[in-house]
């Protein structure tokens, strides 16, 4: 009985700590160098928001917005799952956050699997409660578009600065790539059919919610990919990292941080929230801040 009591007490302490920890905020900053970043674009910075799942940090997400303001980014990208497939999008905590930010920053919004599921709720096979969630998604999107938020659903946009530009691409991949269990192989031509080909002259920033397919993103032509989805591996342990992904893959390779391949980069956010039954432990919610830097001659030596 004593052993059971101790185990129950430890479990309760861990759950209480998890709830407390989810109200903290940390900023993770990265500098990404590339010879495709011109001197005019050198120092351009942006914030990545991912996996909020309609959670809140302060009333109306004011505390989260204040932390972003302190970073003074040139623009903001949403790397998916700002909303939750089981909650109303409008009114909602994600909407309040973007409403606060949209008047100050250009926002590029790419979808995660939760946004994509909310879109799918329009079909006749879903019950009425799911169709109401779809209607709230439509209202959310219409209102954010009026605030000049740019949605990138397998589409691209340009960020202009000093007569130079960054190509920003928002990727929405099929449901099969988010299924639990064994990973689905992505065909070589798949990304080109969704997004077309990259502009080799332009710096190509790809917003791709699922980081598992980093190699495919590099092959397609992404200079920098920003992702989320993995929730940092949910439970993080020192020296090990994330334990399990939302797709129930243990010790995911791309759980958090900066990864490189063939002189291309990917930055994976641990995200800001969680949903349903998924734990979040030793894994403080994260704002990602990225600065793009021109590659100097001395760096090549």
Protein backbone atom coordinates (compact mmCIF):
# COMPACT_ATOMS: atom_id res chain seq x y z
CA UNK A 1 0.00 0.00 0.00
CA UNK A 2 2.87 2.37 0.78
CA UNK A 3 4.38 1.72 -2.63
CA UNK A 4 1.04 2.41 -4.32
CA UNK A 5 0.60 5.60 -2.30
CA UNK A 6 4.07 6.83 -3.26
CA UNK A 7 3.46 6.08 -6.94
CA UNK A 8 0.11 7.90 -6.87
CA UNK A 9 1.72 10.85 -5.11
CA UNK A 10 4.53 11.03 -7.69
CA UNK A 11 2.02 10.81 -10.51
CA UNK A 12 -0.01 13.66 -8.98
CA UNK A 13 3.12 15.80 -8.58
CA UNK A 14 4.12 15.19 -12.20
CA UNK A 15 0.63 16.10 -13.46
CA UNK A 16 0.55 19.28 -11.37
CA UNK A 17 4.01 20.25 -12.65
CA UNK A 18 2.94 19.58 -16.23
CA UNK A 19 -0.07 21.91 -15.83
CA UNK A 20 2.14 24.63 -14.31
CA UNK A 21 4.88 24.22 -16.93
CA UNK A 22 2.40 24.66 -19.78
CA UNK A 23 1.87 28.28 -18.69
CA UNK A 24 5.57 29.14 -19.02
CA UNK A 25 7.01 30.62 -22.22
CA UNK A 26 10.50 30.44 -23.65
CA UNK A 27 12.07 31.95 -26.77
CA UNK A 28 14.48 29.89 -28.87
CA UNK A 29 16.54 31.97 -31.29
CA UNK A 30 18.42 30.80 -34.38
CA UNK A 31 20.64 32.48 -36.96
CA UNK A 32 20.51 30.87 -40.41
CA UNK A 33 23.21 31.81 -42.93
CA UNK A 34 22.85 31.45 -46.67
CA UNK A 35 24.59 32.79 -49.75
CA UNK A 36 21.08 33.32 -51.17
CA UNK A 37 20.37 35.99 -48.54
CA UNK A 38 21.38 39.32 -50.07
CA UNK A 39 22.86 42.20 -48.12
CA UNK A 40 19.49 43.94 -48.35
CA UNK A 41 17.81 40.97 -46.64
CA UNK A 42 20.62 40.40 -44.13
CA UNK A 43 19.24 40.48 -40.58
CA UNK A 44 15.62 39.89 -41.56
CA UNK A 45 13.94 38.14 -38.66
CA UNK A 46 10.66 36.35 -38.16
CA UNK A 47 8.76 34.46 -35.49
CA UNK A 48 7.37 30.94 -35.92
CA UNK A 49 4.17 30.02 -34.08
CA UNK A 50 3.10 26.38 -34.04
CA UNK A 51 0.79 23.98 -32.21
CA UNK A 52 -1.00 26.47 -29.98
CA UNK A 53 -4.14 24.31 -30.19
CA UNK A 54 -6.26 27.25 -29.06
CA UNK A 55 -4.55 27.46 -25.67
CA UNK A 56 -3.98 30.77 -23.95
CA UNK A 57 -1.15 32.65 -22.26
CA UNK A 58 -2.79 35.50 -20.40
CA UNK A 59 -6.13 37.09 -21.17
CA UNK A 60 -6.66 37.14 -24.92
CA UNK A 61 -3.15 35.66 -25.27
CA UNK A 62 -1.78 39.08 -24.32
CA UNK A 63 1.29 37.60 -22.59
CA UNK A 64 2.22 35.66 -25.73
CA UNK A 65 1.72 38.74 -27.93
CA UNK A 66 3.90 40.83 -25.60
CA UNK A 67 6.76 38.34 -25.84
CA UNK A 68 6.52 38.49 -29.64
CA UNK A 69 6.52 42.30 -29.60
CA UNK A 70 9.79 42.28 -27.62
CA UNK A 71 11.41 40.33 -30.47
CA UNK A 72 10.33 42.94 -33.08
CA UNK A 73 10.16 40.47 -36.00
CA UNK A 74 9.81 41.62 -39.59
CA UNK A 75 7.00 39.11 -40.09
CA UNK A 76 5.34 36.05 -38.51
CA UNK A 77 4.72 32.59 -39.91
CA UNK A 78 2.20 30.11 -38.55
CA UNK A 79 3.46 26.54 -38.96
CA UNK A 80 0.09 24.90 -38.40
CA UNK A 81 -2.23 23.73 -35.62
CA UNK A 82 -2.84 27.13 -34.11
CA UNK A 83 -6.43 25.90 -33.68
CA UNK A 84 -7.84 22.58 -32.49
CA UNK A 85 -10.04 20.24 -34.53
CA UNK A 86 -12.36 19.76 -31.52
CA UNK A 87 -12.79 23.42 -30.53
CA UNK A 88 -14.46 26.46 -32.05
CA UNK A 89 -11.99 28.59 -34.00
CA UNK A 90 -14.10 31.73 -33.71
CA UNK A 91 -14.38 33.05 -31.15
CA UNK A 92 -11.23 31.46 -29.76
CA UNK A 93 -7.82 32.04 -28.24
CA UNK A 94 -5.93 31.63 -31.52
CA UNK A 95 -8.13 34.25 -33.16
CA UNK A 96 -7.57 36.72 -30.32
CA UNK A 97 -3.82 36.28 -30.62
CA UNK A 98 -3.73 36.89 -34.37
CA UNK A 99 -6.18 39.78 -34.09
CA UNK A 100 -3.73 41.38 -31.68
CA UNK A 101 -0.70 40.76 -33.92
CA UNK A 102 -2.11 41.37 -37.40
CA UNK A 103 -2.12 45.14 -37.12
CA UNK A 104 1.61 45.16 -36.37
CA UNK A 105 3.08 42.35 -38.50
CA UNK A 106 2.50 40.61 -41.78
CA UNK A 107 1.37 37.06 -40.97
CA UNK A 108 1.74 34.05 -43.29
CA UNK A 109 -0.46 31.18 -42.16
CA UNK A 110 0.15 27.60 -43.34
CA UNK A 111 -2.00 24.65 -42.26
CA UNK A 112 -1.38 21.77 -39.90
CA UNK A 113 -3.37 18.57 -39.72
CA UNK A 114 -5.92 20.22 -37.39
CA UNK A 115 -6.73 23.03 -39.85
CA UNK A 116 -6.99 20.44 -42.61
CA UNK A 117 -9.38 18.31 -40.54
CA UNK A 118 -11.60 21.34 -39.84
CA UNK A 119 -11.84 21.90 -43.59
CA UNK A 120 -12.82 18.25 -44.11
CA UNK A 121 -15.69 18.55 -41.62
CA UNK A 122 -17.70 20.19 -44.41
CA UNK A 123 -18.38 16.85 -46.08
CA UNK A 124 -21.66 15.01 -45.53
CA UNK A 125 -20.11 12.08 -43.67
CA UNK A 126 -19.47 14.16 -40.52
CA UNK A 127 -22.12 14.76 -37.78
CA UNK A 128 -23.67 18.17 -37.14
CA UNK A 129 -21.33 19.10 -34.28
CA UNK A 130 -18.36 18.71 -36.61
CA UNK A 131 -20.07 20.82 -39.27
CA UNK A 132 -20.45 23.58 -36.67
CA UNK A 133 -16.72 23.42 -36.11
CA UNK A 134 -16.23 23.76 -39.87
CA UNK A 135 -18.49 26.82 -39.89
CA UNK A 136 -16.43 28.36 -37.09
CA UNK A 137 -13.27 27.69 -39.14
CA UNK A 138 -14.77 29.55 -42.10
CA UNK A 139 -15.66 32.50 -39.86
CA UNK A 140 -12.15 32.48 -38.38
CA UNK A 141 -10.57 32.50 -41.81
CA UNK A 142 -12.82 35.22 -43.24
CA UNK A 143 -12.17 37.51 -40.29
CA UNK A 144 -8.41 36.94 -40.38
CA UNK A 145 -8.28 37.63 -44.11
CA UNK A 146 -9.92 40.99 -43.41
CA UNK A 147 -7.03 41.64 -41.04
CA UNK A 148 -4.59 40.91 -43.92
CA UNK A 149 -3.46 37.50 -42.67
CA UNK A 150 -2.28 35.56 -45.73
CA UNK A 151 -3.28 31.89 -45.83
CA UNK A 152 -0.91 29.61 -47.73
CA UNK A 153 -2.67 26.36 -48.58
CA UNK A 154 -0.33 24.81 -51.13
CA UNK A 155 0.38 28.29 -52.35
CA UNK A 156 3.17 30.85 -52.17
CA UNK A 157 3.71 34.52 -51.39
CA UNK A 158 6.57 37.00 -51.32
CA UNK A 159 7.99 39.00 -48.46
CA UNK A 160 9.61 42.17 -49.86
CA UNK A 161 12.37 44.18 -48.22
CA UNK A 162 14.63 46.78 -49.82
CA UNK A 163 13.62 45.70 -53.35
CA UNK A 164 14.53 42.08 -52.56
CA UNK A 165 12.21 39.23 -51.70
CA UNK A 166 11.86 35.93 -49.88
CA UNK A 167 9.62 33.25 -51.41
CA UNK A 168 7.35 31.82 -48.70
CA UNK A 169 5.57 28.54 -49.44
CA UNK A 170 2.82 26.96 -47.35
CA UNK A 171 2.51 23.18 -47.69
CA UNK A 172 -0.64 21.11 -47.01
CA UNK A 173 0.04 17.38 -47.39
CA UNK A 174 -2.55 14.60 -47.43
CA UNK A 175 -3.97 12.89 -44.33
CA UNK A 176 -2.00 9.72 -45.00
CA UNK A 177 1.23 11.49 -44.05
CA UNK A 178 -0.13 12.15 -40.53
CA UNK A 179 -1.40 8.66 -39.72
CA UNK A 180 -0.16 6.85 -36.65
CA UNK A 181 2.24 3.95 -37.08
CA UNK A 182 4.45 3.28 -40.06
CA UNK A 183 5.45 6.33 -42.09
CA UNK A 184 4.15 6.71 -45.63
CA UNK A 185 6.82 7.26 -48.29
CA UNK A 186 6.51 10.54 -50.17
CA UNK A 187 6.85 10.18 -53.94
CA UNK A 188 9.56 12.24 -55.59
CA UNK A 189 7.20 14.40 -57.66
CA UNK A 190 4.59 14.88 -54.92
CA UNK A 191 5.69 18.30 -53.62
CA UNK A 192 6.06 19.72 -57.12
CA UNK A 193 2.47 18.72 -57.93
CA UNK A 194 1.29 20.65 -54.86
CA UNK A 195 3.55 23.71 -54.94
CA UNK A 196 5.14 23.79 -58.38
CA UNK A 197 8.88 24.25 -58.70
CA UNK A 198 11.06 26.53 -56.62
CA UNK A 199 12.65 29.75 -57.85
CA UNK A 200 16.39 29.09 -57.70
CA UNK A 201 17.24 32.79 -57.47
CA UNK A 202 14.85 33.47 -54.59
CA UNK A 203 15.47 32.33 -51.00
CA UNK A 204 12.80 29.65 -50.49
CA UNK A 205 11.21 29.45 -47.05
CA UNK A 206 8.91 26.42 -46.74
CA UNK A 207 6.31 26.17 -43.98
CA UNK A 208 5.69 22.43 -43.62
CA UNK A 209 3.89 21.28 -40.49
CA UNK A 210 5.28 17.73 -40.44
CA UNK A 211 9.11 17.67 -40.19
CA UNK A 212 9.41 13.94 -40.87
CA UNK A 213 9.85 14.59 -44.61
CA UNK A 214 12.82 16.96 -44.33
CA UNK A 215 14.80 15.07 -46.98
CA UNK A 216 11.91 15.49 -49.44
CA UNK A 217 11.66 19.20 -48.66
CA UNK A 218 15.38 19.61 -49.38
CA UNK A 219 15.06 17.65 -52.64
CA UNK A 220 12.18 19.90 -53.69
CA UNK A 221 14.32 23.01 -53.17
CA UNK A 222 13.53 24.47 -49.75
CA UNK A 223 16.43 26.54 -48.41
CA UNK A 224 14.85 26.70 -44.97
CA UNK A 225 11.93 24.64 -43.68
CA UNK A 226 10.03 25.55 -40.52
CA UNK A 227 7.90 22.87 -38.85
CA UNK A 228 6.06 21.88 -35.69
CA UNK A 229 3.70 18.92 -35.17
CA UNK A 230 5.99 16.81 -32.97
CA UNK A 231 5.27 18.84 -29.79
CA UNK A 232 8.95 18.47 -28.93
CA UNK A 233 8.45 14.74 -28.46
CA UNK A 234 5.82 15.53 -25.77
CA UNK A 235 7.92 14.27 -22.84
CA UNK A 236 11.56 15.41 -22.97
CA UNK A 237 14.43 13.89 -21.03
CA UNK A 238 17.94 15.39 -20.59
CA UNK A 239 20.44 13.95 -23.04
CA UNK A 240 17.70 12.05 -24.88
CA UNK A 241 15.24 14.65 -26.14
CA UNK A 242 11.68 13.87 -27.15
CA UNK A 243 10.24 10.49 -26.26
CA UNK A 244 7.31 10.09 -28.65
CA UNK A 245 5.63 11.97 -31.49
CA UNK A 246 1.86 12.55 -31.87
CA UNK A 247 1.98 9.82 -34.52
CA UNK A 248 3.25 7.39 -31.85
CA UNK A 249 6.78 7.11 -33.20
CA UNK A 250 9.30 6.76 -30.43
CA UNK A 251 12.39 8.97 -30.14
CA UNK A 252 11.57 11.03 -33.25
CA UNK A 253 14.67 12.21 -35.11
CA UNK A 254 13.26 15.66 -35.82
CA UNK A 255 11.81 16.53 -32.42
CA UNK A 256 13.12 20.06 -31.84
CA UNK A 257 15.83 22.44 -32.99
CA UNK A 258 18.01 23.01 -36.06
CA UNK A 259 18.77 20.29 -38.61
CA UNK A 260 20.86 20.54 -41.79
CA UNK A 261 21.19 18.57 -45.00
CA UNK A 262 23.06 19.53 -48.19
CA UNK A 263 23.58 23.09 -46.91
CA UNK A 264 19.80 23.42 -46.34
CA UNK A 265 18.19 23.85 -42.95
CA UNK A 266 15.08 22.91 -41.01
CA UNK A 267 13.99 24.37 -37.68
CA UNK A 268 11.40 22.44 -35.68
CA UNK A 269 9.42 24.23 -33.01
CA UNK A 270 8.44 22.41 -29.84
CA UNK A 271 5.18 24.29 -30.14
CA UNK A 272 3.04 26.22 -27.69
CA UNK A 273 0.37 23.81 -26.52
CA UNK A 274 -1.14 20.37 -26.58
CA UNK A 275 -4.55 18.77 -26.98
CA UNK A 276 -6.79 15.88 -25.95
CA UNK A 277 -4.86 13.12 -24.16
CA UNK A 278 -1.35 14.16 -25.22
CA UNK A 279 1.02 14.92 -22.31
CA UNK A 280 3.55 17.73 -22.25
CA UNK A 281 6.29 17.32 -19.65
CA UNK A 282 9.73 18.91 -19.15
CA UNK A 283 8.87 20.67 -22.37
CA UNK A 284 8.24 24.41 -21.92
CA UNK A 285 6.08 26.06 -24.63
CA UNK A 286 8.28 27.69 -27.23
CA UNK A 287 8.32 30.75 -29.48
CA UNK A 288 10.86 30.35 -32.28
CA UNK A 289 12.73 33.45 -33.48
CA UNK A 290 14.82 33.14 -36.65
CA UNK A 291 17.26 35.65 -38.11
CA UNK A 292 18.33 35.25 -41.74
CA UNK A 293 21.95 36.20 -42.35
CA UNK A 294 24.01 36.72 -45.49
CA UNK A 295 26.87 34.24 -45.77
CA UNK A 296 30.23 36.03 -45.72
CA UNK A 297 33.39 34.99 -47.55
CA UNK A 298 35.12 34.30 -44.21
CA UNK A 299 32.51 31.67 -43.36
CA UNK A 300 33.49 29.62 -46.41
CA UNK A 301 37.15 29.49 -45.34
